[in-house]
Amino acid sequence: MKTLVILAHPNIENSRVNKRWKQELLQHPEEVTVHELYKEYPDWSIDVQKEQRLLEAHSHIIFQFPLYWYSYPPLLKKWLDDVFTHGWAYGSNGNKLNGKKLGIAMSIGDKQENYQPAGSVSFTVDEVIAPFKASAIHVGAIASPYFAVFGASFQASDEVINQSAADYLQYIIENR
């Protein structure tokens, strides 16, 4: 089954990493469905039933976004709040995400060494994404390991970004 990538970047055209990742994924339509939230919902009016049907049709879902203030971009947060509803995603009758694999692919502006207890951020990436993991567990899904490229804001070369695009596709294939 194809992987669904929920792409949430508010300014994809000016992105180096997420734009390149999107280009790579679009070259493999037999493997990946790319769903761009900011393109689909410029007015932020989310069609919940449509989104739920899309999720139901895939067993592997990746949330792709730039890390914003150690969290998701705001439309992705709204999307999660709107789409992961009681009675559908969780609750006594909410089981539509049970057993599905949920992963994260992030571009991170800062250096990897800063995401250590002794680094300037003082937290690891696993600690930063703990709410995502908790949400996956809450809805009965399986949280896959994250995929990330560091230094996206200032130090990642085109070569590093291009390699990360190939590595990202491989990550998707290996973690289904």
Protein backbone atom coordinates (compact mmCIF):
# COMPACT_ATOMS: atom_id res chain seq x y z
CA MET A 1 0.00 0.00 0.00
CA LYS A 2 1.15 3.53 -0.74
CA THR A 3 2.38 5.86 1.96
CA LEU A 4 0.43 9.06 2.62
CA VAL A 5 2.61 12.10 3.24
CA ILE A 6 0.78 14.96 4.92
CA LEU A 7 2.96 17.91 3.89
CA ALA A 8 2.56 21.00 6.06
CA HIS A 9 4.80 23.86 5.01
CA PRO A 10 3.33 27.38 4.95
CA ASN A 11 5.85 28.62 2.39
CA ILE A 12 6.93 25.60 0.37
CA GLU A 13 8.13 27.62 -2.61
CA ASN A 14 10.83 29.25 -0.48
CA SER A 15 11.82 26.04 1.26
CA ARG A 16 15.05 24.32 0.31
CA VAL A 17 14.54 21.02 2.13
CA ASN A 18 10.77 20.39 2.10
CA LYS A 19 10.48 21.57 -1.50
CA ARG A 20 13.25 19.17 -2.56
CA TRP A 21 11.69 16.33 -0.58
CA LYS A 22 8.35 17.00 -2.24
CA GLN A 23 9.99 16.96 -5.69
CA GLU A 24 11.56 13.58 -4.91
CA LEU A 25 8.31 12.08 -3.61
CA LEU A 26 6.32 13.28 -6.63
CA GLN A 27 8.66 11.23 -8.83
CA HIS A 28 7.37 8.07 -7.11
CA PRO A 29 3.56 8.17 -7.31
CA GLU A 30 3.38 4.38 -7.09
CA GLU A 31 4.98 4.59 -3.62
CA VAL A 32 3.70 7.86 -2.16
CA THR A 33 0.63 10.09 -2.10
CA VAL A 34 1.60 13.68 -1.27
CA HIS A 35 -1.14 15.75 0.36
CA GLU A 36 -0.27 19.43 0.90
CA LEU A 37 -2.30 21.02 3.67
CA TYR A 38 -1.45 24.65 2.97
CA LYS A 39 -2.30 24.18 -0.71
CA GLU A 40 -5.48 22.21 0.03
CA TYR A 41 -6.74 24.52 2.79
CA PRO A 42 -5.55 28.10 2.22
CA ASP A 43 -8.58 29.30 4.19
CA TRP A 44 -7.94 26.74 6.98
CA SER A 45 -11.43 25.28 6.52
CA ILE A 46 -10.64 21.58 6.76
CA ASP A 47 -12.93 18.97 5.20
CA VAL A 48 -12.76 16.51 8.09
CA GLN A 49 -14.60 13.62 6.39
CA LYS A 50 -12.37 13.89 3.30
CA GLU A 51 -9.24 13.85 5.45
CA GLN A 52 -10.48 10.90 7.49
CA ARG A 53 -11.23 8.90 4.33
CA LEU A 54 -7.73 9.68 3.07
CA LEU A 55 -6.21 8.42 6.31
CA GLU A 56 -8.38 5.31 6.27
CA ALA A 57 -7.10 4.46 2.78
CA HIS A 58 -3.45 4.33 3.92
CA SER A 59 -1.72 2.18 6.52
CA HIS A 60 1.46 4.30 6.61
CA ILE A 61 1.24 8.04 7.22
CA ILE A 62 4.10 10.53 7.41
CA PHE A 63 3.74 14.09 8.66
CA GLN A 64 6.32 16.22 6.82
CA PHE A 65 7.04 19.72 8.06
CA PRO A 66 9.67 22.20 9.15
CA LEU A 67 10.13 22.21 12.92
CA TYR A 68 8.57 25.49 14.13
CA TRP A 69 9.42 26.60 17.63
CA TYR A 70 9.95 22.95 18.59
CA SER A 71 6.54 21.94 17.27
CA TYR A 72 4.39 21.61 14.15
CA PRO A 73 3.33 24.45 11.85
CA PRO A 74 -0.04 25.86 12.97
CA LEU A 75 -2.20 24.42 10.17
CA LEU A 76 -0.95 20.91 10.93
CA LYS A 77 -1.87 21.37 14.59
CA LYS A 78 -5.37 22.54 13.58
CA TRP A 79 -5.62 19.62 11.15
CA LEU A 80 -4.79 17.15 13.93
CA ASP A 81 -7.29 18.81 16.29
CA ASP A 82 -10.04 18.73 13.65
CA VAL A 83 -9.40 15.34 12.03
CA PHE A 84 -8.44 13.12 14.99
CA THR A 85 -11.95 13.23 16.45
CA HIS A 86 -13.51 11.40 19.37
CA GLY A 87 -15.44 8.41 18.08
CA TRP A 88 -13.27 8.19 14.97
CA ALA A 89 -9.63 8.29 16.12
CA TYR A 90 -10.09 7.59 19.83
CA GLY A 91 -12.70 6.88 22.46
CA SER A 92 -14.70 3.70 22.97
CA ASN A 93 -15.64 3.50 19.28
CA GLY A 94 -12.70 5.44 17.81
CA ASN A 95 -10.41 2.93 16.21
CA LYS A 96 -9.79 4.11 12.65
CA LEU A 97 -6.06 4.68 13.23
CA ASN A 98 -5.42 1.49 15.20
CA GLY A 99 -2.33 -0.28 13.93
CA LYS A 100 -1.46 2.36 11.34
CA LYS A 101 2.15 3.53 11.26
CA LEU A 102 2.59 7.27 11.86
CA GLY A 103 5.92 8.95 11.24
CA ILE A 104 7.46 12.39 11.10
CA ALA A 105 9.84 13.85 8.52
CA MET A 106 11.22 17.19 9.67
CA SER A 107 13.56 19.83 8.44
CA ILE A 108 15.31 21.29 11.46
CA GLY A 109 17.02 24.64 11.11
CA ASP A 110 19.56 24.16 13.87
CA LYS A 111 22.61 21.91 14.15
CA GLN A 112 22.17 18.32 15.31
CA GLU A 113 24.63 18.75 18.18
CA ASN A 114 22.36 21.40 19.70
CA TYR A 115 19.63 18.76 20.17
CA GLN A 116 21.44 17.06 23.05
CA PRO A 117 20.98 17.54 26.81
CA ALA A 118 24.21 19.61 26.87
CA GLY A 119 23.39 21.44 23.61
CA SER A 120 21.87 24.90 23.29
CA VAL A 121 18.34 23.47 22.88
CA SER A 122 18.84 21.21 25.96
CA PHE A 123 16.43 18.60 24.60
CA THR A 124 16.78 15.74 22.15
CA VAL A 125 14.57 15.53 19.08
CA ASP A 126 12.83 12.53 20.68
CA GLU A 127 11.94 14.73 23.65
CA VAL A 128 10.73 17.55 21.40
CA ILE A 129 8.41 15.22 19.46
CA ALA A 130 7.06 13.44 22.57
CA PRO A 131 3.55 14.96 22.05
CA PHE A 132 3.42 13.38 18.59
CA LYS A 133 4.39 9.99 20.00
CA ALA A 134 1.83 10.34 22.80
CA SER A 135 -0.87 11.23 20.25
CA ALA A 136 0.03 8.19 18.13
CA ILE A 137 -0.24 5.93 21.17
CA HIS A 138 -3.53 7.56 22.22
CA VAL A 139 -5.16 6.73 18.87
CA GLY A 140 -3.75 3.18 18.78
CA ALA A 141 -1.22 3.88 16.04
CA ILE A 142 2.44 2.90 15.94
CA ALA A 143 4.91 5.78 16.09
CA SER A 144 7.68 5.16 13.56
CA PRO A 145 11.17 6.57 14.10
CA TYR A 146 11.49 10.13 12.89
CA PHE A 147 13.42 11.27 9.83
CA ALA A 148 15.19 14.63 9.91
CA VAL A 149 17.73 16.82 8.23
CA PHE A 150 19.53 19.32 10.45
CA GLY A 151 20.99 22.70 9.54
CA ALA A 152 18.21 23.41 7.07
CA SER A 153 18.20 27.13 7.84
CA PHE A 154 21.82 27.92 7.19
CA GLN A 155 24.33 25.15 6.74
CA ALA A 156 22.87 22.32 4.67
CA SER A 157 24.47 22.26 1.24
CA ASP A 158 22.59 21.36 -1.91
CA GLU A 159 24.46 18.06 -1.88
CA VAL A 160 23.28 17.30 1.66
CA ILE A 161 19.70 18.24 0.79
CA ASN A 162 19.69 16.13 -2.37
CA GLN A 163 21.07 13.16 -0.45
CA SER A 164 18.46 13.68 2.25
CA ALA A 165 15.72 13.48 -0.41
CA ALA A 166 16.99 10.06 -1.54
CA ASP A 167 17.38 8.98 2.10
CA TYR A 168 13.83 10.16 2.86
CA LEU A 169 12.36 8.01 0.10
CA GLN A 170 14.36 5.05 1.42
CA TYR A 171 13.10 5.79 4.95
CA ILE A 172 9.51 5.68 3.69
CA ILE A 173 10.00 2.38 1.90
CA GLU A 174 11.79 0.74 4.83
CA ASN A 175 9.33 1.87 7.51
CA ARG A 176 6.04 0.83 5.96
